[in-house]
Protein backbone atom coordinates (compact mmCIF):
# COMPACT_ATOMS: atom_id res chain seq x y z
CA MET A 1 91.01 113.27 105.74
CA ARG A 2 89.83 110.48 103.45
CA LYS A 3 90.91 109.94 99.89
CA ALA A 4 88.27 110.58 97.28
CA ARG A 5 86.85 107.57 95.53
CA GLY A 6 88.62 106.78 92.32
CA HIS A 7 91.97 108.14 93.50
CA ILE A 8 94.79 106.49 91.57
CA PRO A 9 98.30 106.83 93.01
CA VAL A 10 100.85 108.02 90.44
CA ARG A 11 104.53 107.03 90.46
CA THR A 12 107.51 108.12 88.35
CA CYS A 13 109.71 105.63 86.50
CA ILE A 14 113.35 105.90 87.63
CA SER A 15 114.48 104.97 84.12
CA CYS A 16 112.50 107.13 81.69
CA GLY A 17 110.86 109.62 84.08
CA MET A 18 107.35 108.95 82.79
CA LYS A 19 104.51 109.22 85.32
CA ARG A 20 102.04 106.33 85.40
CA ALA A 21 99.50 104.71 87.69
CA LYS A 22 101.13 102.76 90.51
CA GLY A 23 99.49 99.52 89.32
CA ASP A 24 101.13 99.86 85.89
CA MET A 25 104.63 100.02 87.37
CA VAL A 26 107.04 97.48 88.85
CA ARG A 27 108.27 98.20 92.39
CA LEU A 28 111.89 97.38 93.19
CA VAL A 29 113.15 97.06 96.78
CA THR A 30 116.61 96.49 98.26
CA ASP A 31 117.49 94.71 101.48
CA GLU A 32 120.24 95.74 103.92
CA ALA A 33 122.90 93.81 101.93
CA GLY A 34 122.08 95.60 98.68
CA PHE A 35 120.17 92.83 96.93
CA LEU A 36 117.43 94.06 94.62
CA PHE A 37 114.03 92.36 94.51
CA ARG A 38 110.82 92.84 92.57
CA ASP A 39 108.06 93.61 95.06
CA LYS A 40 105.04 92.02 93.41
CA LEU A 41 102.58 92.98 96.16
CA MET A 42 104.11 96.48 96.55
CA ARG A 43 104.14 96.18 100.34
CA LYS A 44 107.68 95.18 101.37
CA GLU A 45 109.54 97.35 103.82
CA GLY A 46 112.56 99.33 102.81
CA ARG A 47 113.47 101.84 100.19
CA GLY A 48 111.56 101.25 96.98
CA ALA A 49 111.59 102.61 93.47
CA TYR A 50 109.29 102.22 90.50
CA VAL A 51 110.11 101.37 86.90
CA CYS A 52 107.89 100.93 83.83
CA ASP A 53 107.02 97.35 82.99
CA SER A 54 108.80 97.60 79.64
CA LYS A 55 111.90 95.92 78.28
CA ALA A 56 113.49 99.24 77.30
CA CYS A 57 113.30 100.70 80.83
CA GLY A 58 114.59 97.48 82.37
CA GLU A 59 117.59 97.35 80.04
CA ASP A 60 118.36 101.04 80.64
CA LEU A 61 118.56 100.43 84.40
CA LEU A 62 121.20 97.75 83.90
CA LYS A 63 123.39 99.93 81.65
CA ASN A 64 124.06 102.78 84.08
CA LYS A 65 124.45 103.48 87.79
CA ARG A 66 120.89 104.74 88.26
CA LEU A 67 119.96 101.93 90.67
CA GLN A 68 123.01 102.71 92.79
CA ARG A 69 122.01 106.37 93.01
CA VAL A 70 118.31 105.74 93.64
CA PHE A 71 118.97 103.23 96.42
CA ARG A 72 121.81 105.33 97.89
CA ARG A 73 124.49 102.62 97.65
CA ASP A 74 128.26 102.98 97.26
CA LYS A 75 128.54 99.47 95.83
CA PRO A 76 126.59 98.22 92.82
CA VAL A 77 123.09 96.91 93.50
CA ILE A 78 122.84 93.14 92.94
CA MET A 79 119.71 91.94 91.15
CA VAL A 80 118.18 88.68 92.41
CA ASP A 81 115.47 86.70 90.59
CA LEU A 82 113.85 84.40 93.15
CA SER A 83 111.47 82.84 90.64
CA GLN A 84 114.23 80.66 89.17
CA ASP A 85 115.64 79.07 92.32
CA ALA A 86 114.36 79.12 95.90
CA GLY A 87 117.87 78.72 97.34
CA LEU A 88 119.38 81.49 95.24
CA LEU A 89 118.99 84.22 97.86
CA SER A 90 120.90 82.38 100.58
CA ARG A 91 123.71 81.49 98.15
CA LYS A 92 123.98 85.08 96.88
CA ARG A 93 124.14 86.45 100.43
CA LYS A 94 126.88 83.94 101.33
CA GLU A 95 128.88 84.92 98.22
CA PHE A 96 128.45 88.60 99.12
CA ARG A 97 129.67 88.04 102.71
CA ASP A 98 132.65 86.02 101.48
CA GLN A 99 133.68 88.83 99.11
CA ASP A 100 133.38 91.56 101.73
CA GLY A 101 135.58 89.94 104.25
């Protein structure tokens, strides 16, 4: 079965619950260690969630344990911004391993 032309995938924001077109949302993905990344191309493997591209929704995610629940983690999800420093990911993973044991 082929999709009809003009089909626009709809996703729900994990923060406010509003439904929007997939292209208007930001996709978040975690890796096996629990680090959270913004998936700009929306193609990375792993569990993903969508959030509105608004400051209010982003701030709301940081205030509560919603990310932990959505990504099914016992420990808090750690946000990583790779745009600031290319070596940040490797340092964060090392810090995480050192804390765990």
